[in-house]
Amino acid sequence: QCDKQKQWLEIYLSNALFLNDKFEKQMTIDELCDLGDCLRAPIHLYWSLLAFLEALLSPESMKKFDYIRYGRCRLKQYEKYKQNFFSSVKKINVD
């Protein structure tokens, strides 16, 4: 998993015209990969909440896409990764 992330990040950063050399020196690919791993849980939670809100506030949109099912899938992923997230936050606060 992380090898694919690293490969994607290297390609993205090499083609990102809005970035300058300072950014690349501040964070390595490994650090960005670690950051992505830490943020995986809150990202899944964010998308699950947006999906549930879309289903609630715009029932017509459910005809085109099953937002409830999508939200449940994202919520399961949040549950899967939340312990890693809270462990990393706790570690940062201790350091």
PDB file of N, CA and C in Angstrom:
ATOM      1  N   GLN A   1       0.830  -1.198   0.000  1.00  0.00           N
ATOM      2  CA  GLN A   1       0.000   0.000   0.000  1.00  0.00           C
ATOM      3  C   GLN A   1       0.867   1.252   0.000  1.00  0.00           C
ATOM      4  N   CYS A   2       1.807   1.317   0.913  1.00  0.00           N
ATOM      5  CA  CYS A   2       2.604   2.535   1.037  1.00  0.00           C
ATOM      6  C   CYS A   2       3.506   2.743  -0.181  1.00  0.00           C
ATOM      7  N   ASP A   3       3.961   1.660  -0.807  1.00  0.00           N
ATOM      8  CA  ASP A   3       4.785   1.802  -2.011  1.00  0.00           C
ATOM      9  C   ASP A   3       4.001   2.484  -3.130  1.00  0.00           C
ATOM     10  N   LYS A   4       2.734   2.114  -3.276  1.00  0.00           N
ATOM     11  CA  LYS A   4       1.893   2.754  -4.291  1.00  0.00           C
ATOM     12  C   LYS A   4       1.649   4.216  -3.942  1.00  0.00           C
ATOM     13  N   GLN A   5       1.453   4.495  -2.644  1.00  0.00           N
ATOM     14  CA  GLN A   5       1.278   5.885  -2.210  1.00  0.00           C
ATOM     15  C   GLN A   5       2.525   6.696  -2.525  1.00  0.00           C
ATOM     16  N   LYS A   6       3.678   6.136  -2.212  1.00  0.00           N
ATOM     17  CA  LYS A   6       4.939   6.843  -2.457  1.00  0.00           C
ATOM     18  C   LYS A   6       5.117   7.121  -3.946  1.00  0.00           C
ATOM     19  N   GLN A   7       4.827   6.119  -4.759  1.00  0.00           N
ATOM     20  CA  GLN A   7       4.963   6.284  -6.209  1.00  0.00           C
ATOM     21  C   GLN A   7       4.015   7.381  -6.705  1.00  0.00           C
ATOM     22  N   TRP A   8       2.771   7.359  -6.233  1.00  0.00           N
ATOM     23  CA  TRP A   8       1.806   8.376  -6.631  1.00  0.00           C
ATOM     24  C   TRP A   8       2.269   9.759  -6.187  1.00  0.00           C
ATOM     25  N   LEU A   9       2.729   9.880  -4.939  1.00  0.00           N
ATOM     26  CA  LEU A   9       3.194  11.171  -4.422  1.00  0.00           C
ATOM     27  C   LEU A   9       4.381  11.703  -5.221  1.00  0.00           C
ATOM     28  N   GLU A  10       5.315  10.831  -5.562  1.00  0.00           N
ATOM     29  CA  GLU A  10       6.483  11.263  -6.340  1.00  0.00           C
ATOM     30  C   GLU A  10       6.060  11.816  -7.693  1.00  0.00           C
ATOM     31  N   ILE A  11       5.158  11.123  -8.358  1.00  0.00           N
ATOM     32  CA  ILE A  11       4.682  11.580  -9.667  1.00  0.00           C
ATOM     33  C   ILE A  11       3.901  12.886  -9.520  1.00  0.00           C
ATOM     34  N   TYR A  12       3.019  12.938  -8.533  1.00  0.00           N
ATOM     35  CA  TYR A  12       2.212  14.137  -8.310  1.00  0.00           C
ATOM     36  C   TYR A  12       3.097  15.339  -8.016  1.00  0.00           C
ATOM     37  N   LEU A  13       4.018  15.184  -7.084  1.00  0.00           N
ATOM     38  CA  LEU A  13       4.875  16.310  -6.703  1.00  0.00           C
ATOM     39  C   LEU A  13       5.791  16.749  -7.840  1.00  0.00           C
ATOM     40  N   SER A  14       6.237  15.810  -8.652  1.00  0.00           N
ATOM     41  CA  SER A  14       7.115  16.179  -9.762  1.00  0.00           C
ATOM     42  C   SER A  14       6.363  16.966 -10.834  1.00  0.00           C
ATOM     43  N   ASN A  15       5.032  16.812 -10.872  1.00  0.00           N
ATOM     44  CA  ASN A  15       4.219  17.514 -11.872  1.00  0.00           C
ATOM     45  C   ASN A  15       3.402  18.661 -11.299  1.00  0.00           C
ATOM     46  N   ALA A  16       3.500  18.896 -10.009  1.00  0.00           N
ATOM     47  CA  ALA A  16       2.718  19.955  -9.367  1.00  0.00           C
ATOM     48  C   ALA A  16       3.424  21.291  -9.555  1.00  0.00           C
ATOM     49  N   LEU A  17       2.937  22.071 -10.484  1.00  0.00           N
ATOM     50  CA  LEU A  17       3.569  23.343 -10.820  1.00  0.00           C
ATOM     51  C   LEU A  17       3.439  24.383  -9.712  1.00  0.00           C
ATOM     52  N   PHE A  18       2.438  24.224  -8.847  1.00  0.00           N
ATOM     53  CA  PHE A  18       2.226  25.225  -7.799  1.00  0.00           C
ATOM     54  C   PHE A  18       3.181  25.051  -6.620  1.00  0.00           C
ATOM     55  N   LEU A  19       3.900  23.947  -6.592  1.00  0.00           N
ATOM     56  CA  LEU A  19       4.846  23.720  -5.502  1.00  0.00           C
ATOM     57  C   LEU A  19       6.221  24.239  -5.888  1.00  0.00           C
ATOM     58  N   ASN A  20       6.959  24.654  -4.885  1.00  0.00           N
ATOM     59  CA  ASN A  20       8.329  25.071  -5.156  1.00  0.00           C
ATOM     60  C   ASN A  20       9.294  24.142  -4.418  1.00  0.00           C
ATOM     61  N   ASP A  21      10.569  24.372  -4.563  1.00  0.00           N
ATOM     62  CA  ASP A  21      11.577  23.505  -3.957  1.00  0.00           C
ATOM     63  C   ASP A  21      11.497  23.480  -2.435  1.00  0.00           C
ATOM     64  N   LYS A  22      11.036  24.554  -1.831  1.00  0.00           N
ATOM     65  CA  LYS A  22      10.966  24.621  -0.370  1.00  0.00           C
ATOM     66  C   LYS A  22      10.079  23.517   0.186  1.00  0.00           C
ATOM     67  N   PHE A  23       8.947  23.281  -0.458  1.00  0.00           N
ATOM     68  CA  PHE A  23       8.018  22.268   0.031  1.00  0.00           C
ATOM     69  C   PHE A  23       8.668  20.894   0.010  1.00  0.00           C
ATOM     70  N   GLU A  24       9.301  20.564  -1.073  1.00  0.00           N
ATOM     71  CA  GLU A  24       9.918  19.249  -1.196  1.00  0.00           C
ATOM     72  C   GLU A  24      11.006  19.044  -0.154  1.00  0.00           C
ATOM     73  N   LYS A  25      11.690  20.105   0.233  1.00  0.00           N
ATOM     74  CA  LYS A  25      12.739  19.990   1.237  1.00  0.00           C
ATOM     75  C   LYS A  25      12.153  19.876   2.643  1.00  0.00           C
ATOM     76  N   GLN A  26      10.984  20.464   2.857  1.00  0.00           N
ATOM     77  CA  GLN A  26      10.384  20.446   4.186  1.00  0.00           C
ATOM     78  C   GLN A  26       9.828  19.077   4.555  1.00  0.00           C
ATOM     79  N   MET A  27       9.241  18.409   3.614  1.00  0.00           N
ATOM     80  CA  MET A  27       8.641  17.103   3.892  1.00  0.00           C
ATOM     81  C   MET A  27       9.118  16.089   2.867  1.00  0.00           C
ATOM     82  N   THR A  28       9.531  14.952   3.353  1.00  0.00           N
ATOM     83  CA  THR A  28       9.942  13.888   2.452  1.00  0.00           C
ATOM     84  C   THR A  28       8.714  13.088   2.028  1.00  0.00           C
ATOM     85  N   ILE A  29       8.890  12.262   1.045  1.00  0.00           N
ATOM     86  CA  ILE A  29       7.813  11.386   0.583  1.00  0.00           C
ATOM     87  C   ILE A  29       7.356  10.483   1.731  1.00  0.00           C
ATOM     88  N   ASP A  30       8.300   9.979   2.515  1.00  0.00           N
ATOM     89  CA  ASP A  30       7.946   9.116   3.652  1.00  0.00           C
ATOM     90  C   ASP A  30       7.088   9.867   4.669  1.00  0.00           C
ATOM     91  N   GLU A  31       7.444  11.117   4.938  1.00  0.00           N
ATOM     92  CA  GLU A  31       6.666  11.918   5.893  1.00  0.00           C
ATOM     93  C   GLU A  31       5.258  12.190   5.368  1.00  0.00           C
ATOM     94  N   LEU A  32       5.149  12.468   4.083  1.00  0.00           N
ATOM     95  CA  LEU A  32       3.829  12.681   3.485  1.00  0.00           C
ATOM     96  C   LEU A  32       2.994  11.405   3.530  1.00  0.00           C
ATOM     97  N   CYS A  33       3.637  10.282   3.292  1.00  0.00           N
ATOM     98  CA  CYS A  33       2.960   8.987   3.342  1.00  0.00           C
ATOM     99  C   CYS A  33       2.459   8.717   4.768  1.00  0.00           C
ATOM    100  N   ASP A  34       3.294   9.000   5.747  1.00  0.00           N
ATOM    101  CA  ASP A  34       2.903   8.826   7.152  1.00  0.00           C
ATOM    102  C   ASP A  34       1.740   9.746   7.510  1.00  0.00           C
ATOM    103  N   LEU A  35       1.796  10.971   7.037  1.00  0.00           N
ATOM    104  CA  LEU A  35       0.718  11.927   7.295  1.00  0.00           C
ATOM    105  C   LEU A  35      -0.593  11.437   6.684  1.00  0.00           C
ATOM    106  N   GLY A  36      -0.512  10.913   5.472  1.00  0.00           N
ATOM    107  CA  GLY A  36      -1.700  10.360   4.826  1.00  0.00           C
ATOM    108  C   GLY A  36      -2.293   9.212   5.616  1.00  0.00           C
ATOM    109  N   ASP A  37      -1.433   8.363   6.156  1.00  0.00           N
ATOM    110  CA  ASP A  37      -1.904   7.254   6.980  1.00  0.00           C
ATOM    111  C   ASP A  37      -2.596   7.760   8.241  1.00  0.00           C
ATOM    112  N   CYS A  38      -2.029   8.790   8.850  1.00  0.00           N
ATOM    113  CA  CYS A  38      -2.616   9.360  10.077  1.00  0.00           C
ATOM    114  C   CYS A  38      -3.994   9.961   9.812  1.00  0.00           C
ATOM    115  N   LEU A  39      -4.155  10.560   8.646  1.00  0.00           N
ATOM    116  CA  LEU A  39      -5.401  11.273   8.343  1.00  0.00           C
ATOM    117  C   LEU A  39      -6.462  10.407   7.669  1.00  0.00           C
ATOM    118  N   ARG A  40      -6.147   9.151   7.455  1.00  0.00           N
ATOM    119  CA  ARG A  40      -7.081   8.262   6.756  1.00  0.00           C
ATOM    120  C   ARG A  40      -8.432   8.181   7.476  1.00  0.00           C
ATOM    121  N   ALA A  41      -8.430   8.001   8.786  1.00  0.00           N
ATOM    122  CA  ALA A  41      -9.688   7.857   9.536  1.00  0.00           C
ATOM    123  C   ALA A  41     -10.559   9.110   9.453  1.00  0.00           C
ATOM    124  N   PRO A  42     -10.013  10.303   9.764  1.00  0.00           N
ATOM    125  CA  PRO A  42     -10.889  11.481   9.685  1.00  0.00           C
ATOM    126  C   PRO A  42     -11.405  11.764   8.275  1.00  0.00           C
ATOM    127  N   ILE A  43     -10.639  11.407   7.263  1.00  0.00           N
ATOM    128  CA  ILE A  43     -11.104  11.607   5.885  1.00  0.00           C
ATOM    129  C   ILE A  43     -12.304  10.708   5.603  1.00  0.00           C
ATOM    130  N   HIS A  44     -12.242   9.445   6.048  1.00  0.00           N
ATOM    131  CA  HIS A  44     -13.387   8.541   5.864  1.00  0.00           C
ATOM    132  C   HIS A  44     -14.602   9.043   6.645  1.00  0.00           C
ATOM    133  N   LEU A  45     -14.382   9.545   7.851  1.00  0.00           N
ATOM    134  CA  LEU A  45     -15.486  10.074   8.653  1.00  0.00           C
ATOM    135  C   LEU A  45     -16.124  11.278   7.955  1.00  0.00           C
ATOM    136  N   TYR A  46     -15.291  12.165   7.444  1.00  0.00           N
ATOM    137  CA  TYR A  46     -15.772  13.352   6.728  1.00  0.00           C
ATOM    138  C   TYR A  46     -16.675  12.950   5.559  1.00  0.00           C
ATOM    139  N   TRP A  47     -16.208  12.026   4.715  1.00  0.00           N
ATOM    140  CA  TRP A  47     -16.986  11.637   3.545  1.00  0.00           C
ATOM    141  C   TRP A  47     -18.249  10.874   3.923  1.00  0.00           C
ATOM    142  N   SER A  48     -18.197  10.096   5.011  1.00  0.00           N
ATOM    143  CA  SER A  48     -19.411   9.395   5.438  1.00  0.00           C
ATOM    144  C   SER A  48     -20.465  10.400   5.909  1.00  0.00           C
ATOM    145  N   LEU A  49     -20.041  11.399   6.675  1.00  0.00           N
ATOM    146  CA  LEU A  49     -20.992  12.414   7.144  1.00  0.00           C
ATOM    147  C   LEU A  49     -21.580  13.213   5.985  1.00  0.00           C
ATOM    148  N   LEU A  50     -20.751  13.557   5.013  1.00  0.00           N
ATOM    149  CA  LEU A  50     -21.265  14.272   3.837  1.00  0.00           C
ATOM    150  C   LEU A  50     -22.277  13.428   3.069  1.00  0.00           C
ATOM    151  N   ALA A  51     -22.012  12.142   2.951  1.00  0.00           N
ATOM    152  CA  ALA A  51     -22.937  11.258   2.242  1.00  0.00           C
ATOM    153  C   ALA A  51     -24.276  11.174   2.972  1.00  0.00           C
ATOM    154  N   PHE A  52     -24.230  11.020   4.299  1.00  0.00           N
ATOM    155  CA  PHE A  52     -25.474  10.952   5.066  1.00  0.00           C
ATOM    156  C   PHE A  52     -26.251  12.270   4.983  1.00  0.00           C
ATOM    157  N   LEU A  53     -25.540  13.380   5.032  1.00  0.00           N
ATOM    158  CA  LEU A  53     -26.199  14.681   4.892  1.00  0.00           C
ATOM    159  C   LEU A  53     -26.842  14.840   3.517  1.00  0.00           C
ATOM    160  N   GLU A  54     -26.147  14.411   2.494  1.00  0.00           N
ATOM    161  CA  GLU A  54     -26.695  14.493   1.135  1.00  0.00           C
ATOM    162  C   GLU A  54     -27.978  13.678   1.034  1.00  0.00           C
ATOM    163  N   ALA A  55     -27.967  12.481   1.597  1.00  0.00           N
ATOM    164  CA  ALA A  55     -29.163  11.635   1.560  1.00  0.00           C
ATOM    165  C   ALA A  55     -30.311  12.268   2.342  1.00  0.00           C
ATOM    166  N   LEU A  56     -29.995  12.887   3.454  1.00  0.00           N
ATOM    167  CA  LEU A  56     -31.013  13.499   4.305  1.00  0.00           C
ATOM    168  C   LEU A  56     -31.574  14.788   3.704  1.00  0.00           C
ATOM    169  N   LEU A  57     -30.701  15.629   3.198  1.00  0.00           N
ATOM    170  CA  LEU A  57     -31.113  16.950   2.730  1.00  0.00           C
ATOM    171  C   LEU A  57     -31.576  16.972   1.276  1.00  0.00           C
ATOM    172  N   SER A  58     -31.191  15.959   0.524  1.00  0.00           N
ATOM    173  CA  SER A  58     -31.560  15.923  -0.888  1.00  0.00           C
ATOM    174  C   SER A  58     -31.985  14.506  -1.289  1.00  0.00           C
ATOM    175  N   PRO A  59     -33.165  14.083  -0.854  1.00  0.00           N
ATOM    176  CA  PRO A  59     -33.619  12.721  -1.153  1.00  0.00           C
ATOM    177  C   PRO A  59     -33.668  12.408  -2.650  1.00  0.00           C
ATOM    178  N   GLU A  60     -33.872  13.435  -3.469  1.00  0.00           N
ATOM    179  CA  GLU A  60     -33.903  13.225  -4.922  1.00  0.00           C
ATOM    180  C   GLU A  60     -32.564  12.688  -5.439  1.00  0.00           C
ATOM    181  N   SER A  61     -31.479  13.074  -4.777  1.00  0.00           N
ATOM    182  CA  SER A  61     -30.156  12.624  -5.227  1.00  0.00           C
ATOM    183  C   SER A  61     -29.974  11.123  -5.043  1.00  0.00           C
ATOM    184  N   MET A  62     -30.804  10.520  -4.182  1.00  0.00           N
ATOM    185  CA  MET A  62     -30.710   9.082  -3.944  1.00  0.00           C
ATOM    186  C   MET A  62     -31.125   8.273  -5.176  1.00  0.00           C
ATOM    187  N   LYS A  63     -31.826   8.914  -6.109  1.00  0.00           N
ATOM    188  CA  LYS A  63     -32.214   8.222  -7.338  1.00  0.00           C
ATOM    189  C   LYS A  63     -31.002   7.960  -8.225  1.00  0.00           C
ATOM    190  N   LYS A  64     -29.993   8.812  -8.097  1.00  0.00           N
ATOM    191  CA  LYS A  64     -28.803   8.697  -8.939  1.00  0.00           C
ATOM    192  C   LYS A  64     -27.659   7.953  -8.256  1.00  0.00           C
ATOM    193  N   PHE A  65     -27.626   8.015  -6.916  1.00  0.00           N
ATOM    194  CA  PHE A  65     -26.496   7.427  -6.193  1.00  0.00           C
ATOM    195  C   PHE A  65     -26.961   7.031  -4.799  1.00  0.00           C
ATOM    196  N   ASP A  66     -26.522   5.875  -4.328  1.00  0.00           N
ATOM    197  CA  ASP A  66     -26.911   5.388  -3.002  1.00  0.00           C
ATOM    198  C   ASP A  66     -25.975   5.977  -1.948  1.00  0.00           C
ATOM    199  N   TYR A  67     -26.302   7.178  -1.486  1.00  0.00           N
ATOM    200  CA  TYR A  67     -25.458   7.876  -0.516  1.00  0.00           C
ATOM    201  C   TYR A  67     -25.433   7.172   0.843  1.00  0.00           C
ATOM    202  N   ILE A  68     -26.516   6.520   1.204  1.00  0.00           N
ATOM    203  CA  ILE A  68     -26.549   5.800   2.481  1.00  0.00           C
ATOM    204  C   ILE A  68     -25.545   4.645   2.451  1.00  0.00           C
ATOM    205  N   ARG A  69     -25.570   3.885   1.391  1.00  0.00           N
ATOM    206  CA  ARG A  69     -24.626   2.762   1.271  1.00  0.00           C
ATOM    207  C   ARG A  69     -23.185   3.271   1.250  1.00  0.00           C
ATOM    208  N   TYR A  70     -22.951   4.309   0.487  1.00  0.00           N
ATOM    209  CA  TYR A  70     -21.610   4.904   0.417  1.00  0.00           C
ATOM    210  C   TYR A  70     -21.167   5.401   1.796  1.00  0.00           C
ATOM    211  N   GLY A  71     -22.075   6.074   2.504  1.00  0.00           N
ATOM    212  CA  GLY A  71     -21.763   6.566   3.841  1.00  0.00           C
ATOM    213  C   GLY A  71     -21.438   5.439   4.803  1.00  0.00           C
ATOM    214  N   ARG A  72     -22.175   4.349   4.704  1.00  0.00           N
ATOM    215  CA  ARG A  72     -21.899   3.189   5.565  1.00  0.00           C
ATOM    216  C   ARG A  72     -20.532   2.589   5.259  1.00  0.00           C
ATOM    217  N   CYS A  73     -20.200   2.496   3.979  1.00  0.00           N
ATOM    218  CA  CYS A  73     -18.873   1.961   3.597  1.00  0.00           C
ATOM    219  C   CYS A  73     -17.760   2.838   4.159  1.00  0.00           C
ATOM    220  N   ARG A  74     -17.923   4.132   4.028  1.00  0.00           N
ATOM    221  CA  ARG A  74     -16.911   5.057   4.553  1.00  0.00           C
ATOM    222  C   ARG A  74     -16.843   4.990   6.074  1.00  0.00           C
ATOM    223  N   LEU A  75     -17.989   4.824   6.725  1.00  0.00           N
ATOM    224  CA  LEU A  75     -18.009   4.727   8.182  1.00  0.00           C
ATOM    225  C   LEU A  75     -17.295   3.457   8.655  1.00  0.00           C
ATOM    226  N   LYS A  76     -17.456   2.368   7.912  1.00  0.00           N
ATOM    227  CA  LYS A  76     -16.723   1.131   8.241  1.00  0.00           C
ATOM    228  C   LYS A  76     -15.223   1.349   8.124  1.00  0.00           C
ATOM    229  N   GLN A  77     -14.814   2.088   7.111  1.00  0.00           N
ATOM    230  CA  GLN A  77     -13.390   2.380   6.950  1.00  0.00           C
ATOM    231  C   GLN A  77     -12.887   3.267   8.087  1.00  0.00           C
ATOM    232  N   TYR A  78     -13.711   4.205   8.521  1.00  0.00           N
ATOM    233  CA  TYR A  78     -13.350   5.033   9.674  1.00  0.00           C
ATOM    234  C   TYR A  78     -13.131   4.148  10.898  1.00  0.00           C
ATOM    235  N   GLU A  79     -14.065   3.234  11.146  1.00  0.00           N
ATOM    236  CA  GLU A  79     -13.937   2.323  12.288  1.00  0.00           C
ATOM    237  C   GLU A  79     -12.649   1.502  12.192  1.00  0.00           C
ATOM    238  N   LYS A  80     -12.316   1.106  10.986  1.00  0.00           N
ATOM    239  CA  LYS A  80     -11.120   0.289  10.768  1.00  0.00           C
ATOM    240  C   LYS A  80      -9.838   1.048  11.123  1.00  0.00           C
ATOM    241  N   TYR A  81      -9.782   2.338  10.821  1.00  0.00           N
ATOM    242  CA  TYR A  81      -8.543   3.108  10.966  1.00  0.00           C
ATOM    243  C   TYR A  81      -8.530   4.083  12.146  1.00  0.00           C
ATOM    244  N   LYS A  82      -9.635   4.206  12.870  1.00  0.00           N
ATOM    245  CA  LYS A  82      -9.692   5.237  13.914  1.00  0.00           C
ATOM    246  C   LYS A  82      -8.683   5.010  15.036  1.00  0.00           C
ATOM    247  N   GLN A  83      -8.406   3.765  15.379  1.00  0.00           N
ATOM    248  CA  GLN A  83      -7.444   3.509  16.454  1.00  0.00           C
ATOM    249  C   GLN A  83      -6.059   4.029  16.076  1.00  0.00           C
ATOM    250  N   ASN A  84      -5.666   3.832  14.817  1.00  0.00           N
ATOM    251  CA  ASN A  84      -4.377   4.362  14.352  1.00  0.00           C
ATOM    252  C   ASN A  84      -4.346   5.881  14.459  1.00  0.00           C
ATOM    253  N   PHE A  85      -5.457   6.511  14.102  1.00  0.00           N
ATOM    254  CA  PHE A  85      -5.522   7.968  14.164  1.00  0.00           C
ATOM    255  C   PHE A  85      -5.372   8.466  15.596  1.00  0.00           C
ATOM    256  N   PHE A  86      -6.165   7.901  16.508  1.00  0.00           N
ATOM    257  CA  PHE A  86      -6.110   8.377  17.887  1.00  0.00           C
ATOM    258  C   PHE A  86      -4.779   8.043  18.556  1.00  0.00           C
ATOM    259  N   SER A  87      -4.170   6.944  18.169  1.00  0.00           N
ATOM    260  CA  SER A  87      -2.832   6.620  18.686  1.00  0.00           C
ATOM    261  C   SER A  87      -1.813   7.644  18.213  1.00  0.00           C
ATOM    262  N   SER A  88      -1.906   8.040  16.948  1.00  0.00           N
ATOM    263  CA  SER A  88      -0.945   9.010  16.411  1.00  0.00           C
ATOM    264  C   SER A  88      -1.157  10.389  17.025  1.00  0.00           C
ATOM    265  N   VAL A  89      -2.406  10.774  17.275  1.00  0.00           N
ATOM    266  CA  VAL A  89      -2.688  12.065  17.908  1.00  0.00           C
ATOM    267  C   VAL A  89      -2.157  12.064  19.333  1.00  0.00           C
ATOM    268  N   LYS A  90      -2.366  10.977  20.034  1.00  0.00           N
ATOM    269  CA  LYS A  90      -1.876  10.863  21.410  1.00  0.00           C
ATOM    270  C   LYS A  90      -0.355  10.955  21.441  1.00  0.00           C
ATOM    271  N   LYS A  91       0.291  10.300  20.481  1.00  0.00           N
ATOM    272  CA  LYS A  91       1.757  10.320  20.407  1.00  0.00           C
ATOM    273  C   LYS A  91       2.265  11.740  20.158  1.00  0.00           C
ATOM    274  N   ILE A  92       1.602  12.469  19.271  1.00  0.00           N
ATOM    275  CA  ILE A  92       2.004  13.846  18.963  1.00  0.00           C
ATOM    276  C   ILE A  92       1.858  14.728  20.199  1.00  0.00           C
ATOM    277  N   ASN A  93       0.770  14.563  20.933  1.00  0.00           N
ATOM    278  CA  ASN A  93       0.545  15.371  22.133  1.00  0.00           C
ATOM    279  C   ASN A  93       1.552  15.068  23.236  1.00  0.00           C
ATOM    280  N   VAL A  94       2.018  13.831  23.314  1.00  0.00           N
ATOM    281  CA  VAL A  94       3.001  13.446  24.327  1.00  0.00           C
ATOM    282  C   VAL A  94       4.366  14.008  23.980  1.00  0.00           C
ATOM    283  N   ASP A  95       4.721  13.959  22.697  1.00  0.00           N
ATOM    284  CA  ASP A  95       6.031  14.467  22.252  1.00  0.00           C
ATOM    285  C   ASP A  95       6.044  15.953  22.407  1.00  0.00           C
TER     286      ASP A  95
END
